[in-house]
Amino acid sequence: NAKDLLFADKGNIMQATIGRAARNAYAATSQLRELAYDPRHSRLIASVQVTNSDIWSLPLKQLTVIGSPKPLIRSTEDDGQPSFSPDGKWLAFPSTRSGAQELWVADNGGKNPRQLTHLRAYIVGYPHWSPDGKSIVFHARTPRNPQLYIVRAEDGLLRKLTNGRPGFAIPS
């Protein structure tokens, strides 16, 4: 429904309908961070802050929570900021599992994770897919001012899009 919205607020998932007050749809026991909606599989994906961040799945039916959260992508390092490809087949996310923050992709079930970038970045963030699902734009600090990059999802071919001050971040 184009009038409904789910959002994270202080670790809870809130549901709002335009013209009405938001209500608590799910009370989390951990700090929720970024959210991504997977319309193909009717679920909400969120990164959860514990000692490290993992990505969890929460089943939905018509934007109503119908079950308990389950881990989708787990590692001993930080994973976060999930972003679904337009066709819903892939999930892009920054992770420190290689020792530095890099951009990774996995299938929509969280399986077969694959490292896309090798920047050895201080911060990689906010991945957004191109409409055709062939590339992902994101920002990275290596280590100074954030700059925008685009990477081909198929083979990790990387291109730096910006090179300036004060820097560029949070692309869409």
N, C-alpha and C. Protein backbone atom coordinates (compact mmCIF):
# COMPACT_ATOMS: atom_id res chain seq x y z
N ASN A 1 0.84 -1.17 0.00
CA ASN A 1 0.00 0.00 0.00
C ASN A 1 0.89 1.23 0.00
N ALA A 2 0.69 2.15 -0.92
CA ALA A 2 1.55 3.32 -1.07
C ALA A 2 1.40 4.30 0.08
N LYS A 3 0.43 4.11 0.95
CA LYS A 3 0.22 5.02 2.07
C LYS A 3 0.84 4.51 3.36
N ASP A 4 1.40 3.29 3.34
CA ASP A 4 1.99 2.70 4.54
C ASP A 4 3.50 2.82 4.52
N LEU A 5 4.08 2.91 5.70
CA LEU A 5 5.52 3.09 5.83
C LEU A 5 5.99 2.34 7.06
N LEU A 6 7.12 1.64 6.94
CA LEU A 6 7.80 1.02 8.08
C LEU A 6 9.12 1.75 8.27
N PHE A 7 9.49 2.01 9.54
CA PHE A 7 10.76 2.66 9.81
C PHE A 7 11.28 2.26 11.18
N ALA A 8 12.60 2.38 11.35
CA ALA A 8 13.23 2.05 12.64
C ALA A 8 13.23 3.29 13.52
N ASP A 9 12.92 3.10 14.79
CA ASP A 9 12.93 4.19 15.75
C ASP A 9 13.41 3.65 17.09
N LYS A 10 14.63 4.02 17.49
CA LYS A 10 15.19 3.60 18.77
C LYS A 10 15.10 2.09 18.99
N GLY A 11 15.41 1.33 17.97
CA GLY A 11 15.42 -0.11 18.11
C GLY A 11 14.09 -0.79 17.86
N ASN A 12 13.04 -0.03 17.60
CA ASN A 12 11.74 -0.61 17.30
C ASN A 12 11.40 -0.39 15.83
N ILE A 13 10.54 -1.24 15.30
CA ILE A 13 10.03 -1.03 13.95
C ILE A 13 8.65 -0.42 14.10
N MET A 14 8.47 0.74 13.52
CA MET A 14 7.22 1.48 13.59
C MET A 14 6.49 1.35 12.26
N GLN A 15 5.16 1.38 12.31
CA GLN A 15 4.34 1.36 11.11
C GLN A 15 3.49 2.62 11.13
N ALA A 16 3.47 3.31 10.00
CA ALA A 16 2.69 4.53 9.89
C ALA A 16 1.86 4.49 8.62
N THR A 17 0.69 5.05 8.69
CA THR A 17 -0.17 5.27 7.54
C THR A 17 -0.33 6.77 7.41
N ILE A 18 -0.24 7.29 6.20
CA ILE A 18 -0.35 8.73 6.00
C ILE A 18 -1.64 9.23 6.63
N GLY A 19 -1.51 10.29 7.44
CA GLY A 19 -2.66 10.88 8.10
C GLY A 19 -2.97 10.29 9.47
N ARG A 20 -2.21 9.27 9.88
CA ARG A 20 -2.43 8.64 11.19
C ARG A 20 -1.13 8.61 11.97
N ALA A 21 -1.24 8.46 13.27
CA ALA A 21 -0.06 8.37 14.13
C ALA A 21 0.64 7.03 13.92
N ALA A 22 1.96 7.03 14.04
CA ALA A 22 2.73 5.79 13.92
C ALA A 22 2.46 4.91 15.12
N ARG A 23 2.51 3.59 14.89
CA ARG A 23 2.35 2.63 15.98
C ARG A 23 3.53 1.67 15.98
N ASN A 24 3.81 1.11 17.13
CA ASN A 24 4.90 0.16 17.25
C ASN A 24 4.47 -1.16 16.62
N ALA A 25 5.18 -1.57 15.55
CA ALA A 25 4.87 -2.83 14.87
C ALA A 25 5.71 -3.98 15.41
N TYR A 26 6.88 -3.65 15.97
CA TYR A 26 7.76 -4.69 16.48
C TYR A 26 8.73 -4.07 17.47
N ALA A 27 8.81 -4.62 18.66
CA ALA A 27 9.74 -4.15 19.68
C ALA A 27 10.98 -5.04 19.65
N ALA A 28 12.10 -4.46 19.33
CA ALA A 28 13.34 -5.23 19.21
C ALA A 28 14.05 -5.30 20.56
N THR A 29 14.81 -6.36 20.74
CA THR A 29 15.61 -6.50 21.95
C THR A 29 17.03 -6.01 21.73
N SER A 30 17.37 -5.71 20.48
CA SER A 30 18.69 -5.18 20.13
C SER A 30 18.49 -3.89 19.34
N GLN A 31 19.55 -3.16 19.17
CA GLN A 31 19.48 -1.90 18.42
C GLN A 31 19.36 -2.19 16.93
N LEU A 32 18.23 -1.84 16.33
CA LEU A 32 18.04 -1.97 14.89
C LEU A 32 18.69 -0.78 14.20
N ARG A 33 19.24 -1.05 13.03
CA ARG A 33 19.82 0.04 12.26
C ARG A 33 19.08 0.11 10.94
N GLU A 34 19.75 0.00 9.84
CA GLU A 34 19.15 0.20 8.53
C GLU A 34 18.11 -0.87 8.20
N LEU A 35 17.09 -0.46 7.44
CA LEU A 35 16.03 -1.38 7.02
C LEU A 35 16.00 -1.47 5.50
N ALA A 36 15.61 -2.61 4.98
CA ALA A 36 15.37 -2.79 3.55
C ALA A 36 14.14 -3.67 3.40
N TYR A 37 13.28 -3.34 2.47
CA TYR A 37 12.04 -4.09 2.23
C TYR A 37 12.22 -4.97 1.01
N ASP A 38 11.87 -6.25 1.15
CA ASP A 38 11.94 -7.22 0.06
C ASP A 38 10.51 -7.58 -0.34
N PRO A 39 9.94 -6.88 -1.33
CA PRO A 39 8.55 -7.13 -1.70
C PRO A 39 8.33 -8.51 -2.32
N ARG A 40 9.33 -9.06 -2.98
CA ARG A 40 9.18 -10.38 -3.60
C ARG A 40 8.91 -11.47 -2.58
N HIS A 41 9.55 -11.37 -1.42
CA HIS A 41 9.41 -12.41 -0.40
C HIS A 41 8.67 -11.90 0.83
N SER A 42 8.08 -10.72 0.72
CA SER A 42 7.28 -10.10 1.78
C SER A 42 7.98 -10.19 3.14
N ARG A 43 9.13 -9.52 3.21
CA ARG A 43 9.89 -9.50 4.45
C ARG A 43 10.64 -8.20 4.56
N LEU A 44 10.97 -7.85 5.79
CA LEU A 44 11.76 -6.68 6.10
C LEU A 44 13.12 -7.15 6.57
N ILE A 45 14.17 -6.55 6.07
CA ILE A 45 15.53 -6.90 6.44
C ILE A 45 16.11 -5.74 7.24
N ALA A 46 16.80 -6.04 8.34
CA ALA A 46 17.40 -4.98 9.16
C ALA A 46 18.75 -5.45 9.66
N SER A 47 19.68 -4.50 9.78
CA SER A 47 20.91 -4.86 10.47
C SER A 47 20.67 -4.61 11.96
N VAL A 48 21.19 -5.50 12.78
CA VAL A 48 20.97 -5.46 14.22
C VAL A 48 22.32 -5.30 14.90
N GLN A 49 22.42 -4.29 15.77
CA GLN A 49 23.67 -4.04 16.48
C GLN A 49 23.72 -4.87 17.75
N VAL A 50 24.68 -5.76 17.83
CA VAL A 50 24.93 -6.53 19.04
C VAL A 50 26.38 -6.16 19.37
N THR A 51 27.28 -7.10 19.57
CA THR A 51 28.68 -6.75 19.66
C THR A 51 29.25 -6.53 18.27
N ASN A 52 28.67 -7.20 17.31
CA ASN A 52 28.94 -6.92 15.91
C ASN A 52 27.58 -6.85 15.22
N SER A 53 27.51 -6.28 14.06
CA SER A 53 26.24 -6.13 13.36
C SER A 53 26.02 -7.30 12.41
N ASP A 54 24.85 -7.89 12.48
CA ASP A 54 24.42 -8.92 11.55
C ASP A 54 23.18 -8.41 10.82
N ILE A 55 22.76 -9.11 9.79
CA ILE A 55 21.57 -8.73 9.05
C ILE A 55 20.51 -9.79 9.30
N TRP A 56 19.33 -9.35 9.72
CA TRP A 56 18.24 -10.23 10.12
C TRP A 56 17.04 -10.05 9.19
N SER A 57 16.17 -11.06 9.14
CA SER A 57 14.96 -11.04 8.33
C SER A 57 13.74 -11.09 9.25
N LEU A 58 12.72 -10.31 8.93
CA LEU A 58 11.49 -10.28 9.71
C LEU A 58 10.32 -10.51 8.75
N PRO A 59 9.58 -11.63 8.89
CA PRO A 59 8.50 -11.93 7.94
C PRO A 59 7.32 -10.97 8.09
N LEU A 60 6.77 -10.57 6.94
CA LEU A 60 5.65 -9.62 6.90
C LEU A 60 4.51 -10.17 6.07
N LYS A 61 3.32 -9.70 6.35
CA LYS A 61 2.16 -9.92 5.49
C LYS A 61 1.43 -8.59 5.43
N GLN A 62 1.40 -7.99 4.25
CA GLN A 62 0.80 -6.68 4.05
C GLN A 62 1.33 -5.67 5.06
N LEU A 63 2.66 -5.62 5.20
CA LEU A 63 3.38 -4.73 6.10
C LEU A 63 3.02 -4.91 7.57
N THR A 64 2.56 -6.10 7.93
CA THR A 64 2.31 -6.44 9.33
C THR A 64 3.25 -7.58 9.70
N VAL A 65 3.93 -7.44 10.83
CA VAL A 65 4.86 -8.47 11.28
C VAL A 65 4.07 -9.73 11.65
N ILE A 66 4.49 -10.88 11.07
CA ILE A 66 3.76 -12.13 11.31
C ILE A 66 4.64 -13.23 11.91
N GLY A 67 5.82 -12.90 12.33
CA GLY A 67 6.70 -13.92 12.90
C GLY A 67 7.87 -13.31 13.62
N SER A 68 8.76 -14.15 14.05
CA SER A 68 9.95 -13.72 14.78
C SER A 68 11.10 -13.45 13.82
N PRO A 69 12.00 -12.54 14.20
CA PRO A 69 13.16 -12.29 13.35
C PRO A 69 14.10 -13.48 13.33
N LYS A 70 14.77 -13.64 12.20
CA LYS A 70 15.74 -14.72 12.05
C LYS A 70 17.00 -14.16 11.40
N PRO A 71 18.16 -14.64 11.79
CA PRO A 71 19.39 -14.15 11.16
C PRO A 71 19.41 -14.51 9.67
N LEU A 72 19.79 -13.55 8.86
CA LEU A 72 19.90 -13.76 7.42
C LEU A 72 21.36 -13.84 7.01
N ILE A 73 22.16 -12.88 7.48
CA ILE A 73 23.60 -12.86 7.19
C ILE A 73 24.32 -12.65 8.50
N ARG A 74 25.16 -13.61 8.87
CA ARG A 74 25.91 -13.52 10.12
C ARG A 74 27.39 -13.73 9.84
N SER A 75 28.19 -13.02 10.58
CA SER A 75 29.63 -13.24 10.57
C SER A 75 30.17 -12.77 11.91
N THR A 76 31.44 -12.98 12.14
CA THR A 76 32.04 -12.50 13.38
C THR A 76 32.45 -11.04 13.26
N GLU A 77 32.21 -10.45 12.11
CA GLU A 77 32.53 -9.04 11.87
C GLU A 77 31.25 -8.25 11.64
N ASP A 78 31.38 -6.95 11.34
CA ASP A 78 30.22 -6.09 11.15
C ASP A 78 29.68 -6.19 9.74
N ASP A 79 28.39 -6.48 9.62
CA ASP A 79 27.65 -6.46 8.36
C ASP A 79 26.49 -5.49 8.57
N GLY A 80 26.18 -4.68 7.57
CA GLY A 80 25.08 -3.73 7.76
C GLY A 80 24.61 -3.12 6.45
N GLN A 81 23.74 -2.14 6.57
CA GLN A 81 23.21 -1.35 5.46
C GLN A 81 22.81 -2.20 4.26
N PRO A 82 21.90 -3.17 4.44
CA PRO A 82 21.51 -4.03 3.33
C PRO A 82 20.75 -3.28 2.25
N SER A 83 20.94 -3.69 1.01
CA SER A 83 20.24 -3.09 -0.13
C SER A 83 19.92 -4.18 -1.14
N PHE A 84 18.62 -4.38 -1.44
CA PHE A 84 18.21 -5.39 -2.41
C PHE A 84 18.36 -4.89 -3.83
N SER A 85 18.75 -5.81 -4.72
CA SER A 85 18.77 -5.50 -6.16
C SER A 85 17.32 -5.30 -6.61
N PRO A 86 17.10 -4.56 -7.71
CA PRO A 86 15.74 -4.30 -8.18
C PRO A 86 14.92 -5.57 -8.43
N ASP A 87 15.55 -6.66 -8.84
CA ASP A 87 14.81 -7.91 -9.08
C ASP A 87 14.67 -8.76 -7.82
N GLY A 88 15.25 -8.29 -6.69
CA GLY A 88 15.13 -9.00 -5.43
C GLY A 88 15.99 -10.23 -5.29
N LYS A 89 16.88 -10.49 -6.26
CA LYS A 89 17.69 -11.71 -6.22
C LYS A 89 18.97 -11.56 -5.39
N TRP A 90 19.44 -10.34 -5.21
CA TRP A 90 20.74 -10.10 -4.56
C TRP A 90 20.61 -9.07 -3.45
N LEU A 91 21.52 -9.16 -2.51
CA LEU A 91 21.58 -8.25 -1.39
C LEU A 91 23.02 -7.72 -1.30
N ALA A 92 23.17 -6.40 -1.40
CA ALA A 92 24.49 -5.78 -1.24
C ALA A 92 24.59 -5.26 0.19
N PHE A 93 25.79 -5.33 0.77
CA PHE A 93 25.98 -4.84 2.14
C PHE A 93 27.46 -4.60 2.40
N PRO A 94 27.79 -3.55 3.16
CA PRO A 94 29.16 -3.36 3.62
C PRO A 94 29.47 -4.35 4.73
N SER A 95 30.72 -4.82 4.77
CA SER A 95 31.14 -5.75 5.80
C SER A 95 32.63 -5.59 6.07
N THR A 96 33.01 -5.89 7.32
CA THR A 96 34.44 -5.87 7.69
C THR A 96 35.00 -7.29 7.75
N ARG A 97 34.30 -8.26 7.20
CA ARG A 97 34.72 -9.66 7.31
C ARG A 97 36.05 -9.95 6.63
N SER A 98 36.52 -9.08 5.74
CA SER A 98 37.82 -9.30 5.08
C SER A 98 38.95 -8.58 5.81
N GLY A 99 38.65 -7.91 6.93
CA GLY A 99 39.67 -7.18 7.67
C GLY A 99 39.55 -5.68 7.51
N ALA A 100 38.97 -5.22 6.42
CA ALA A 100 38.68 -3.80 6.20
C ALA A 100 37.25 -3.73 5.71
N GLN A 101 36.66 -2.56 5.76
CA GLN A 101 35.29 -2.46 5.29
C GLN A 101 35.27 -2.49 3.76
N GLU A 102 34.49 -3.41 3.21
CA GLU A 102 34.36 -3.60 1.77
C GLU A 102 32.89 -3.81 1.44
N LEU A 103 32.56 -3.75 0.16
CA LEU A 103 31.20 -4.03 -0.29
C LEU A 103 31.10 -5.50 -0.69
N TRP A 104 30.06 -6.16 -0.22
CA TRP A 104 29.81 -7.57 -0.47
C TRP A 104 28.43 -7.74 -1.08
N VAL A 105 28.19 -8.87 -1.75
CA VAL A 105 26.85 -9.26 -2.20
C VAL A 105 26.61 -10.71 -1.79
N ALA A 106 25.35 -11.03 -1.58
CA ALA A 106 24.93 -12.40 -1.30
C ALA A 106 23.60 -12.60 -2.01
N ASP A 107 23.19 -13.86 -2.15
CA ASP A 107 21.86 -14.08 -2.72
C ASP A 107 20.82 -13.60 -1.71
N ASN A 108 19.56 -13.51 -2.13
CA ASN A 108 18.54 -12.90 -1.27
C ASN A 108 18.26 -13.71 0.00
N GLY A 109 18.75 -14.90 0.10
CA GLY A 109 18.63 -15.69 1.31
C GLY A 109 19.83 -15.55 2.23
N GLY A 110 20.78 -14.69 1.82
CA GLY A 110 21.98 -14.46 2.62
C GLY A 110 23.10 -15.46 2.36
N LYS A 111 22.89 -16.37 1.43
CA LYS A 111 23.90 -17.39 1.13
C LYS A 111 24.86 -16.91 0.04
N ASN A 112 25.98 -17.60 -0.07
CA ASN A 112 27.00 -17.34 -1.10
C ASN A 112 27.51 -15.90 -1.10
N PRO A 113 27.93 -15.38 0.07
CA PRO A 113 28.48 -14.03 0.09
C PRO A 113 29.77 -13.95 -0.72
N ARG A 114 29.92 -12.82 -1.39
CA ARG A 114 31.08 -12.62 -2.27
C ARG A 114 31.55 -11.17 -2.15
N GLN A 115 32.84 -11.00 -1.92
CA GLN A 115 33.42 -9.67 -1.79
C GLN A 115 33.49 -9.01 -3.17
N LEU A 116 32.95 -7.79 -3.28
CA LEU A 116 32.97 -7.06 -4.55
C LEU A 116 34.14 -6.09 -4.65
N THR A 117 34.46 -5.41 -3.54
CA THR A 117 35.51 -4.39 -3.59
C THR A 117 36.73 -4.84 -2.80
N HIS A 118 37.85 -4.19 -3.10
CA HIS A 118 39.12 -4.44 -2.40
C HIS A 118 39.81 -3.10 -2.16
N LEU A 119 39.06 -2.15 -1.59
CA LEU A 119 39.56 -0.80 -1.36
C LEU A 119 40.37 -0.65 -0.08
N ARG A 120 40.21 -1.58 0.86
CA ARG A 120 40.79 -1.46 2.20
C ARG A 120 40.34 -0.14 2.82
N ALA A 121 39.06 0.13 2.71
CA ALA A 121 38.49 1.40 3.12
C ALA A 121 38.31 1.49 4.63
N TYR A 122 38.34 2.71 5.11
CA TYR A 122 38.04 3.00 6.50
C TYR A 122 36.52 2.86 6.70
N ILE A 123 35.75 3.37 5.76
CA ILE A 123 34.29 3.26 5.79
C ILE A 123 33.79 3.01 4.37
N VAL A 124 32.87 2.06 4.22
CA VAL A 124 32.10 1.85 2.99
C VAL A 124 30.65 1.93 3.41
N GLY A 125 29.84 2.66 2.65
CA GLY A 125 28.46 2.78 3.09
C GLY A 125 27.45 3.09 2.02
N TYR A 126 26.22 2.88 2.39
CA TYR A 126 25.02 3.25 1.64
C TYR A 126 25.01 2.75 0.20
N PRO A 127 25.07 1.43 0.02
CA PRO A 127 25.00 0.90 -1.34
C PRO A 127 23.59 1.06 -1.92
N HIS A 128 23.52 1.46 -3.18
CA HIS A 128 22.25 1.56 -3.91
C HIS A 128 22.44 0.98 -5.29
N TRP A 129 21.53 0.12 -5.70
CA TRP A 129 21.60 -0.57 -6.99
C TRP A 129 21.14 0.34 -8.11
N SER A 130 21.73 0.14 -9.29
CA SER A 130 21.23 0.80 -10.49
C SER A 130 19.88 0.18 -10.85
N PRO A 131 19.03 0.91 -11.57
CA PRO A 131 17.71 0.35 -11.93
C PRO A 131 17.78 -0.97 -12.68
N ASP A 132 18.85 -1.20 -13.46
CA ASP A 132 18.96 -2.47 -14.20
C ASP A 132 19.61 -3.58 -13.37
N GLY A 133 20.03 -3.27 -12.14
CA GLY A 133 20.60 -4.28 -11.25
C GLY A 133 22.01 -4.71 -11.62
N LYS A 134 22.67 -3.99 -12.52
CA LYS A 134 24.00 -4.40 -12.96
C LYS A 134 25.13 -3.76 -12.16
N SER A 135 24.85 -2.66 -11.48
CA SER A 135 25.90 -1.99 -10.73
C SER A 135 25.36 -1.40 -9.44
N ILE A 136 26.30 -1.06 -8.55
CA ILE A 136 25.96 -0.54 -7.23
C ILE A 136 26.79 0.71 -6.99
N VAL A 137 26.14 1.79 -6.61
CA VAL A 137 26.85 3.01 -6.24
C VAL A 137 26.94 3.02 -4.71
N PHE A 138 28.05 3.54 -4.18
CA PHE A 138 28.27 3.59 -2.74
C PHE A 138 29.31 4.66 -2.45
N HIS A 139 29.52 4.96 -1.18
CA HIS A 139 30.62 5.87 -0.84
C HIS A 139 31.65 5.12 0.00
N ALA A 140 32.88 5.61 -0.08
CA ALA A 140 33.97 5.01 0.68
C ALA A 140 34.95 6.09 1.12
N ARG A 141 35.48 5.91 2.32
CA ARG A 141 36.57 6.75 2.82
C ARG A 141 37.82 5.91 2.80
N THR A 142 38.84 6.40 2.08
CA THR A 142 40.08 5.63 1.95
C THR A 142 41.32 6.47 2.22
N PRO A 143 41.59 7.05 3.34
CA PRO A 143 40.81 7.18 4.56
C PRO A 143 40.17 8.56 4.73
N ARG A 144 40.49 9.51 3.88
CA ARG A 144 40.06 10.90 4.14
C ARG A 144 38.61 11.17 3.74
N ASN A 145 38.41 12.10 2.86
CA ASN A 145 37.07 12.52 2.47
C ASN A 145 36.34 11.41 1.72
N PRO A 146 35.07 11.21 2.05
CA PRO A 146 34.32 10.17 1.33
C PRO A 146 34.15 10.55 -0.14
N GLN A 147 34.25 9.54 -0.98
CA GLN A 147 34.05 9.72 -2.42
C GLN A 147 33.06 8.68 -2.90
N LEU A 148 32.44 8.93 -4.04
CA LEU A 148 31.47 8.00 -4.59
C LEU A 148 32.15 7.06 -5.57
N TYR A 149 31.72 5.81 -5.53
CA TYR A 149 32.24 4.76 -6.41
C TYR A 149 31.06 4.02 -7.01
N ILE A 150 31.29 3.37 -8.12
CA ILE A 150 30.32 2.46 -8.71
C ILE A 150 31.05 1.16 -9.02
N VAL A 151 30.40 0.04 -8.71
CA VAL A 151 31.01 -1.26 -8.93
C VAL A 151 30.03 -2.13 -9.71
N ARG A 152 30.56 -2.87 -10.67
CA ARG A 152 29.74 -3.80 -11.43
C ARG A 152 29.51 -5.04 -10.58
N ALA A 153 28.24 -5.40 -10.38
CA ALA A 153 27.89 -6.52 -9.50
C ALA A 153 28.40 -7.85 -10.03
N GLU A 154 28.47 -7.99 -11.32
CA GLU A 154 28.87 -9.26 -11.94
C GLU A 154 30.32 -9.63 -11.64
N ASP A 155 31.22 -8.63 -11.74
CA ASP A 155 32.65 -8.97 -11.66
C ASP A 155 33.48 -8.05 -10.76
N GLY A 156 32.85 -7.07 -10.08
CA GLY A 156 33.58 -6.20 -9.18
C GLY A 156 34.39 -5.11 -9.85
N LEU A 157 34.19 -4.88 -11.15
CA LEU A 157 34.90 -3.79 -11.83
C LEU A 157 34.50 -2.47 -11.17
N LEU A 158 35.49 -1.74 -10.66
CA LEU A 158 35.27 -0.57 -9.83
C LEU A 158 35.66 0.71 -10.57
N ARG A 159 34.85 1.76 -10.38
CA ARG A 159 35.17 3.07 -10.96
C ARG A 159 34.89 4.14 -9.91
N LYS A 160 35.85 5.04 -9.70
CA LYS A 160 35.68 6.16 -8.79
C LYS A 160 34.93 7.26 -9.54
N LEU A 161 33.82 7.75 -8.95
CA LEU A 161 33.00 8.75 -9.63
C LEU A 161 33.34 10.18 -9.24
N THR A 162 33.81 10.39 -8.01
CA THR A 162 34.12 11.75 -7.54
C THR A 162 35.52 11.79 -6.98
N ASN A 163 36.06 13.00 -6.90
CA ASN A 163 37.39 13.19 -6.33
C ASN A 163 37.50 14.65 -5.90
N GLY A 164 36.86 14.98 -4.80
CA GLY A 164 36.87 16.38 -4.40
C GLY A 164 36.68 16.54 -2.92
N ARG A 165 36.71 17.81 -2.51
CA ARG A 165 36.52 18.18 -1.13
C ARG A 165 35.25 19.00 -1.06
N PRO A 166 34.47 18.89 -0.05
CA PRO A 166 34.74 18.21 1.21
C PRO A 166 34.49 16.73 1.14
N GLY A 167 34.08 16.20 0.02
CA GLY A 167 33.80 14.77 -0.11
C GLY A 167 32.35 14.56 -0.48
N PHE A 168 32.03 13.35 -0.87
CA PHE A 168 30.68 13.03 -1.31
C PHE A 168 30.26 11.74 -0.63
N ALA A 169 29.02 11.70 -0.14
CA ALA A 169 28.55 10.55 0.63
C ALA A 169 27.07 10.31 0.40
N ILE A 170 26.62 9.14 0.79
CA ILE A 170 25.23 8.70 0.79
C ILE A 170 24.58 8.90 -0.58
N PRO A 171 25.04 8.18 -1.59
CA PRO A 171 24.45 8.29 -2.93
C PRO A 171 23.10 7.60 -3.01
N SER A 172 22.33 7.97 -4.00
CA SER A 172 21.08 7.25 -4.26
C SER A 172 20.82 7.26 -5.76
